Protein backbone atom coordinates (compact mmCIF):
# COMPACT_ATOMS: atom_id res chain seq x y z
CA MET A 1 0.00 0.00 0.00
CA THR A 2 1.44 3.38 -0.98
CA GLU A 3 1.74 6.37 1.31
CA GLN A 4 -0.83 8.17 -0.83
CA THR A 5 -3.40 5.40 -0.30
CA THR A 6 -2.78 5.40 3.44
CA ALA A 7 -3.18 9.15 3.69
CA GLU A 8 -6.47 9.00 1.85
CA ALA A 9 -7.78 6.27 4.15
CA THR A 10 -6.79 8.19 7.29
CA PRO A 11 -6.99 11.94 6.53
CA GLU A 12 -5.87 12.91 10.01
CA ALA A 13 -2.46 11.43 9.21
CA ALA A 14 -1.93 13.94 6.41
CA ALA A 15 -2.29 16.89 8.77
CA VAL A 16 0.25 15.70 11.33
CA PRO A 17 3.69 14.19 10.66
CA GLU A 18 3.78 10.48 11.33
CA PRO A 19 5.97 9.61 14.34
CA ALA A 20 8.18 6.57 14.47
CA ALA A 21 6.31 3.54 15.79
CA PRO A 22 7.63 2.33 19.18
CA ALA A 23 9.28 -1.06 19.16
CA PRO A 24 6.87 -3.64 20.64
CA PRO A 25 7.91 -5.91 23.51
CA LYS A 26 9.13 -9.32 22.39
CA ASP A 27 6.06 -11.11 23.70
CA ARG A 28 3.83 -8.99 21.45
CA ARG A 29 5.59 -9.96 18.21
CA ALA A 30 2.89 -12.54 17.57
CA LEU A 31 0.55 -9.63 16.91
CA ARG A 32 2.64 -8.61 13.90
CA ALA A 33 2.08 -12.10 12.52
CA ALA A 34 -1.65 -11.74 13.13
CA LEU A 35 -1.62 -8.54 11.13
CA ARG A 36 0.01 -10.37 8.25
CA TRP A 37 -2.71 -13.03 8.37
CA THR A 38 -5.42 -10.48 7.67
CA ALA A 39 -3.03 -8.29 5.65
CA ALA A 40 -4.23 -5.30 7.66
CA VAL A 41 -2.23 -2.06 7.67
CA LEU A 42 -1.55 -0.32 10.97
CA VAL A 43 -1.00 3.44 10.68
CA PHE A 44 0.33 5.47 13.58
CA ALA A 45 -0.56 9.17 13.62
CA ALA A 46 -0.62 11.83 16.30
CA ALA A 47 -4.07 13.29 16.89
CA GLY A 48 -4.33 16.13 19.38
CA THR A 49 -2.83 14.98 22.66
CA GLY A 50 -3.44 11.27 22.09
CA THR A 51 -2.72 8.58 19.52
CA ALA A 52 -4.97 7.45 16.67
CA TYR A 53 -4.82 4.33 14.54
CA GLY A 54 -6.24 3.04 11.28
CA LEU A 55 -6.66 -0.60 10.26
CA LEU A 56 -7.45 -1.39 6.63
CA GLN A 57 -8.19 -4.65 4.87
CA PRO A 58 -6.78 -5.37 1.38
CA GLU A 59 -8.10 -7.75 -1.23
CA ARG A 60 -9.08 -11.23 -0.05
CA THR A 61 -6.68 -12.74 -2.59
CA ASP A 62 -3.78 -11.22 -0.64
CA VAL A 63 -4.53 -13.29 2.46
CA PRO A 64 -2.25 -16.35 2.63
CA GLY A 65 -4.13 -19.61 3.14
CA LEU A 66 -7.54 -18.03 2.47
CA SER A 67 -7.12 -16.96 -1.12
CA THR A 68 -10.57 -17.71 -2.50
CA ARG A 69 -13.31 -15.11 -2.45
CA ALA A 70 -15.82 -17.73 -1.28
CA ASP A 71 -13.96 -18.44 1.95
CA GLY A 72 -16.87 -17.27 4.11
CA ARG A 73 -15.33 -14.11 5.54
CA TRP A 74 -17.43 -11.04 6.19
CA THR A 75 -16.66 -7.48 5.09
CA TYR A 76 -16.04 -5.13 8.00
CA PRO A 77 -15.84 -1.35 7.93
CA ALA A 78 -12.38 0.18 8.34
CA LEU A 79 -11.30 -0.39 11.93
CA ALA A 80 -10.07 2.50 14.07
CA LEU A 81 -8.93 2.70 17.66
CA PRO A 82 -9.98 5.78 19.64
CA THR A 83 -7.70 8.60 20.65
CA LEU A 84 -6.14 7.93 24.03
CA PRO A 85 -6.58 10.35 26.93
CA PRO A 86 -3.73 12.87 27.27
CA GLY A 87 -0.59 11.20 28.56
CA ALA A 88 -2.08 7.68 28.57
CA PRO A 89 0.25 4.93 27.29
CA LEU A 90 -0.62 2.30 24.72
CA PRO A 91 -1.56 -1.18 25.95
CA PHE A 92 1.61 -3.23 26.46
CA ALA A 93 3.93 -0.27 25.86
CA GLU A 94 7.15 -0.24 27.88
CA ASP A 95 5.52 2.01 30.45
CA ASN A 96 2.32 -0.08 30.50
CA ILE A 97 3.45 -3.69 30.64
CA ASP A 98 0.33 -4.66 32.61
CA GLY A 99 -1.71 -3.97 29.48
CA ILE A 100 -4.15 -1.46 30.94
CA HIS A 101 -6.57 -0.12 28.31
CA TYR A 102 -7.18 3.59 28.87
CA ALA A 103 -9.46 4.01 25.86
CA GLY A 104 -13.22 3.86 26.21
CA LEU A 105 -14.24 0.21 26.36
CA THR A 106 -17.13 0.59 23.92
CA GLN A 107 -14.77 2.01 21.32
CA LEU A 108 -12.67 -1.15 21.50
CA LEU A 109 -15.58 -3.36 20.43
CA LEU A 110 -15.34 -4.90 16.98
CA PRO A 111 -17.92 -3.16 14.74
CA ALA A 112 -20.62 -5.18 13.03
CA PRO A 113 -19.84 -6.33 9.48
CA LEU A 114 -21.48 -4.71 6.49
CA GLY A 115 -24.91 -6.11 5.65
CA SER A 116 -25.62 -7.34 9.18
CA ALA A 117 -28.53 -6.36 11.41
CA PRO A 118 -28.39 -5.53 15.14
CA ASP A 119 -29.34 -8.45 17.36
CA PRO A 120 -32.63 -7.48 19.05
CA ALA A 121 -32.22 -10.26 21.62
CA LEU A 122 -29.12 -8.66 23.15
CA LYS A 123 -30.20 -6.31 25.92
CA LEU A 124 -27.94 -3.26 26.02
CA GLU A 125 -27.97 -0.32 28.39
CA LYS A 126 -26.75 3.17 27.48
CA ASP A 127 -23.39 3.25 25.67
CA SER A 128 -23.58 -0.49 24.93
CA VAL A 129 -23.23 -1.40 28.60
CA VAL A 130 -24.29 -4.95 29.48
CA THR A 131 -25.43 -5.76 32.99
CA VAL A 132 -23.88 -8.73 34.77
CA ASP A 133 -27.24 -10.51 34.80
CA THR A 134 -27.66 -10.05 31.04
CA PHE A 135 -24.17 -11.39 30.37
CA LEU A 136 -24.80 -14.39 32.62
CA GLU A 137 -27.84 -15.36 30.53
CA GLU A 138 -25.31 -16.88 28.13
CA TYR A 139 -24.45 -19.46 30.81
CA GLU A 140 -26.26 -22.32 32.51
CA GLY A 141 -28.35 -21.25 35.49
CA THR A 142 -26.34 -23.46 37.85
CA ALA A 143 -23.14 -21.57 37.00
CA ARG A 144 -24.45 -18.02 37.29
CA GLU A 145 -24.35 -17.48 41.04
CA LYS A 146 -20.71 -18.59 41.33
CA MET A 147 -19.70 -16.45 38.36
CA LYS A 148 -21.50 -13.41 39.74
CA GLN A 149 -19.73 -13.77 43.07
CA GLY A 150 -16.44 -14.10 41.22
CA PHE A 151 -17.06 -10.78 39.49
CA THR A 152 -17.61 -9.15 42.87
CA ASP A 153 -14.52 -10.73 44.42
CA ASN A 154 -12.19 -10.14 41.47
CA GLY A 155 -12.77 -6.52 40.60
CA LEU A 156 -14.99 -6.51 37.52
CA ARG A 157 -15.44 -2.88 36.48
CA GLN A 158 -17.64 -2.96 33.39
CA ILE A 159 -19.09 -5.12 30.62
CA VAL A 160 -19.98 -3.78 27.17
CA GLY A 161 -21.38 -5.72 24.26
CA ARG A 162 -22.39 -5.73 20.63
CA GLY A 163 -24.51 -8.24 18.74
CA TRP A 164 -25.61 -8.77 15.15
CA THR A 165 -27.02 -11.33 12.75
CA THR A 166 -25.86 -11.84 9.17
CA PRO A 167 -27.84 -12.99 6.11
CA ASP A 168 -26.26 -16.46 6.41
CA GLY A 169 -28.10 -16.90 9.72
CA VAL A 170 -25.12 -16.57 12.07
CA ARG A 171 -25.83 -14.74 15.32
CA THR A 172 -22.80 -13.03 16.92
CA ARG A 173 -22.38 -11.58 20.41
CA ILE A 174 -19.17 -9.90 21.56
CA TYR A 175 -18.62 -8.97 25.19
CA LEU A 176 -15.67 -7.03 26.63
CA LEU A 177 -15.15 -7.35 30.37
CA ARG A 178 -12.85 -4.81 32.03
CA PHE A 179 -11.21 -5.62 35.37
CA HIS A 180 -9.14 -3.43 37.68
CA ALA A 181 -5.89 -5.18 36.66
CA SER A 182 -4.63 -7.88 34.34
CA GLY A 183 -4.06 -10.22 37.28
CA LEU A 184 -7.75 -9.98 38.08
CA ALA A 185 -8.79 -10.55 34.48
CA ASP A 186 -6.74 -13.76 34.62
CA THR A 187 -9.15 -15.10 37.25
CA PHE A 188 -12.07 -15.14 34.80
CA THR A 189 -12.94 -18.76 33.99
CA GLY A 190 -16.06 -18.14 31.90
CA CYS A 191 -14.32 -18.59 28.55
CA GLY A 192 -12.53 -21.83 27.85
CA ALA A 193 -13.02 -25.57 27.62
CA ASP A 194 -14.82 -25.60 30.99
CA MET A 195 -17.27 -22.80 30.23
CA ASN A 196 -20.87 -23.74 31.01
CA LEU A 197 -22.71 -22.11 28.12
CA ASN A 198 -26.48 -22.28 28.14
CA GLY A 199 -27.72 -25.40 26.35
CA VAL A 200 -24.24 -26.68 25.46
CA ASN A 201 -23.33 -30.16 26.66
CA ARG A 202 -19.66 -30.06 25.70
CA ILE A 203 -17.32 -27.58 24.05
CA GLU A 204 -13.79 -28.31 22.86
CA SER A 205 -10.86 -26.69 21.08
CA ASP A 206 -11.41 -25.85 17.41
CA ASP A 207 -9.01 -28.12 15.53
CA VAL A 208 -9.25 -26.01 12.37
CA TRP A 209 -8.04 -22.97 14.30
CA GLY A 210 -5.26 -25.01 15.82
CA LYS A 211 -3.94 -25.86 12.38
CA ALA A 212 -4.67 -22.46 10.84
CA HIS A 213 -2.74 -20.37 13.36
CA LEU A 214 0.39 -22.44 12.74
CA ALA A 215 0.13 -22.08 8.97
CA GLN A 216 -0.97 -18.46 8.90
CA ASP A 217 0.64 -16.93 11.99
CA ALA A 218 -2.70 -16.11 13.62
CA PRO A 219 -2.55 -15.07 17.30
CA SER A 220 -2.00 -17.99 19.62
CA GLY A 221 -0.97 -18.80 23.15
CA ASP A 222 -2.78 -18.92 26.46
CA ASP A 223 -4.38 -15.50 25.89
CA VAL A 224 -6.36 -16.67 22.82
CA LYS A 225 -8.69 -19.69 22.69
CA VAL A 226 -11.10 -20.76 19.95
CA LEU A 227 -13.68 -23.43 20.71
CA GLU A 228 -16.60 -25.25 19.10
CA GLU A 229 -19.56 -27.16 20.46
CA SER A 230 -18.91 -30.88 20.16
CA VAL A 231 -20.92 -33.19 17.94
CA PRO A 232 -23.67 -34.17 18.49
CA PHE A 233 -25.33 -30.83 19.23
CA GLY A 234 -28.96 -29.74 19.20
CA ASP A 235 -30.80 -27.47 16.77
CA GLU A 236 -27.85 -25.10 16.58
CA GLN A 237 -24.11 -25.17 17.13
CA ILE A 238 -22.23 -22.56 19.11
CA ARG A 239 -18.64 -21.43 18.67
CA ALA A 240 -16.65 -19.32 21.13
CA GLY A 241 -13.57 -17.13 20.98
CA CYS A 242 -11.71 -16.01 24.12
CA ILE A 243 -9.13 -13.22 24.26
CA GLN A 244 -7.42 -12.10 27.45
CA SER A 245 -5.65 -8.79 26.81
CA GLY A 246 -4.30 -7.10 29.91
CA ASP A 247 -7.19 -5.88 32.02
CA VAL A 248 -9.80 -6.83 29.37
CA GLN A 249 -11.35 -10.21 28.64
CA ALA A 250 -13.21 -10.64 25.36
CA VAL A 251 -15.88 -13.32 24.92
CA ILE A 252 -17.08 -13.88 21.33
CA LEU A 253 -20.02 -16.21 20.73
CA GLN A 254 -21.47 -17.27 17.38
CA SER A 255 -24.35 -19.65 16.75
CA ARG A 256 -26.59 -20.79 13.90
CA LYS A 257 -29.21 -23.45 13.30
CA GLY A 258 -27.39 -26.50 12.11
CA ALA A 259 -23.61 -26.27 11.89
CA THR A 260 -22.00 -22.87 12.47
CA PRO A 261 -19.18 -21.97 10.03
CA ALA A 262 -15.69 -21.60 11.49
CA VAL A 263 -14.21 -18.84 9.34
CA PRO A 264 -16.39 -15.91 10.59
CA LEU A 265 -15.39 -16.67 14.19
CA HIS A 266 -11.71 -16.94 13.29
CA GLN A 267 -11.95 -13.59 11.53
CA ALA A 268 -13.73 -11.94 14.47
CA VAL A 269 -11.16 -13.27 16.95
CA ILE A 270 -8.24 -11.93 14.90
CA LEU A 271 -9.77 -8.48 14.37
CA GLN A 272 -10.89 -8.13 17.99
CA HIS A 273 -7.41 -9.21 19.10
CA GLN A 274 -5.92 -6.43 16.98
CA LEU A 275 -8.25 -3.84 18.47
CA LEU A 276 -7.22 -4.86 21.98
CA GLY A 277 -3.52 -5.22 21.15
């Protein structure tokens, strides 16, 4: 991508000289590989007293391992991270190794893809806030009381969410849970192989993701998990993506009558991981 194309996509970058990007810590180098997987372009530009970003997607044929246009991916609007408060460091910068996110939590939510419709079943408060009780509706009733007490004990600050349905029948819900510190976010056990999702008998690691992240350098490690409901399942299958990023835990759920496709969840996990990175 040329400098001219980048400037047109992010006009604020043309008004302010582009500073040198800070060198990321070694343990964040996997994110660079994730960016290559989606062939997104990250543009650093000063904006007022904070920092602004732009993330752009190129042609599908440029994505290694997913070169066909019928691969099942959705088209998202250009992604942009919000301007940070004055003096606030980036997540995982040298002066913010705990990964505290100082940006507004709602602004870190992955936007809905083009052509989707808001999910009327997801109950949102003002500014996309989700109450604890609403979030816990995703889980079996027997697990809710323990999880709710865990939120109280472990410093949950806020939950925000976004939901949509696409013409292919897939229903998506994304929740971001912010804790007071990354050590407290680590205590969250509601996303993983032992999660007790409502109506799900058994959920296990997504083998396709396990192979794909090795071949395509997608984000991996203990902070990212991708799971699928085991066969046999009922009228619909659910898939789940889990991202622990500093003080924020992301829970991504997708479901559809019959089998739920894997690629849209993989795409959502990668893009949400970038937004939190």
